[in-house]
């Protein structure tokens, strides 16, 4: 079910981006800012994912390659970073 929701989210974002490009574009300021956020989130998230994977992953190459897929940083955050699966060094005092 979780994978289905990620795929559905990807199609919704891609559909929104397709609509924003093909249509004349939204005239509402909120929708314009939403379009800017959608198109800015992917490259910013990819750079964050590259930095985090290179710094903290034992074998970063698969995650570095995955960073070039649009919005894959969301998967990386929710599946690798947030649950604490990624070791971030020795935290003992």
Protein backbone atom coordinates (compact mmCIF):
# COMPACT_ATOMS: atom_id res chain seq x y z
CA UNK A 1 0.00 0.00 0.00
CA UNK A 2 2.86 2.36 0.81
CA UNK A 3 4.43 1.86 -2.63
CA UNK A 4 1.07 2.52 -4.28
CA UNK A 5 0.75 5.84 -2.43
CA UNK A 6 4.25 6.91 -3.53
CA UNK A 7 3.41 6.06 -7.14
CA UNK A 8 0.09 7.89 -6.89
CA UNK A 9 1.83 10.94 -5.41
CA UNK A 10 4.32 10.91 -8.29
CA UNK A 11 1.55 10.82 -10.88
CA UNK A 12 -0.31 13.67 -9.16
CA UNK A 13 2.81 15.86 -9.10
CA UNK A 14 3.63 14.98 -12.72
CA UNK A 15 0.05 15.73 -13.76
CA UNK A 16 0.16 19.07 -11.99
CA UNK A 17 3.46 19.94 -13.67
CA UNK A 18 2.09 18.89 -17.07
CA UNK A 19 -0.99 21.04 -16.54
CA UNK A 20 1.14 24.03 -15.49
CA UNK A 21 3.24 23.80 -18.65
CA UNK A 22 0.60 22.91 -21.25
CA UNK A 23 -2.16 25.21 -20.01
CA UNK A 24 -1.81 28.95 -20.09
CA UNK A 25 -0.68 28.73 -16.50
CA UNK A 26 -2.41 29.64 -13.31
CA UNK A 27 -3.27 33.27 -12.65
CA UNK A 28 -3.96 32.82 -8.96
CA UNK A 29 -0.88 33.90 -6.93
CA UNK A 30 -1.19 30.86 -4.66
CA UNK A 31 -1.14 28.49 -7.64
CA UNK A 32 1.79 30.35 -9.18
CA UNK A 33 3.77 29.94 -5.97
CA UNK A 34 2.77 26.27 -5.85
CA UNK A 35 4.13 25.80 -9.38
CA UNK A 36 7.40 27.45 -8.31
CA UNK A 37 7.65 25.16 -5.28
CA UNK A 38 6.96 22.04 -7.37
CA UNK A 39 9.63 22.92 -9.92
CA UNK A 40 12.18 24.09 -7.31
CA UNK A 41 11.75 21.17 -4.89
CA UNK A 42 13.15 18.51 -7.20
CA UNK A 43 16.62 20.01 -7.85
CA UNK A 44 17.04 21.27 -4.28
CA UNK A 45 16.02 17.90 -2.90
CA UNK A 46 18.37 16.13 -5.31
CA UNK A 47 21.32 18.19 -4.10
CA UNK A 48 20.40 17.45 -0.48
CA UNK A 49 20.11 13.74 -1.29
CA UNK A 50 23.50 13.74 -3.03
CA UNK A 51 25.14 15.46 -0.07
CA UNK A 52 23.54 13.15 2.49
CA UNK A 53 24.23 9.96 0.53
CA UNK A 54 27.88 10.82 -0.11
CA UNK A 55 28.44 11.83 3.49
CA UNK A 56 26.58 9.09 5.39
CA UNK A 57 26.04 6.04 3.16
CA UNK A 58 28.55 3.19 3.23
CA UNK A 59 28.01 2.53 -0.50
CA UNK A 60 26.68 5.83 -1.90
CA UNK A 61 26.67 5.03 -5.63
CA UNK A 62 23.11 3.59 -5.82
CA UNK A 63 21.70 6.55 -3.88
CA UNK A 64 23.71 9.04 -5.94
CA UNK A 65 22.29 7.55 -9.13
CA UNK A 66 18.79 7.54 -7.65
CA UNK A 67 19.12 11.25 -6.84
CA UNK A 68 18.75 12.00 -10.54
CA UNK A 69 15.18 10.67 -10.54
CA UNK A 70 12.71 13.49 -9.90
CA UNK A 71 11.37 13.66 -6.35
CA UNK A 72 13.30 10.58 -5.24
CA UNK A 73 14.59 12.63 -2.31
CA UNK A 74 11.15 12.22 -0.72
CA UNK A 75 11.54 8.46 -0.75
CA UNK A 76 15.09 8.78 0.59
CA UNK A 77 13.97 11.00 3.46
CA UNK A 78 10.95 8.96 4.52
CA UNK A 79 12.46 5.50 4.00
CA UNK A 80 16.15 5.95 4.87
CA UNK A 81 16.75 9.09 6.94
CA UNK A 82 13.64 9.54 9.04
CA UNK A 83 13.32 6.02 10.49
CA UNK A 84 16.92 6.15 11.71
CA UNK A 85 18.19 3.45 9.35
CA UNK A 86 21.05 5.72 8.31
CA UNK A 87 23.96 5.60 10.74
CA UNK A 88 25.17 9.07 11.56
CA UNK A 89 28.29 8.27 13.50
CA UNK A 90 28.84 7.62 17.16
CA UNK A 91 26.33 9.53 19.29
CA UNK A 92 27.47 8.22 22.65
CA UNK A 93 28.99 10.75 25.02
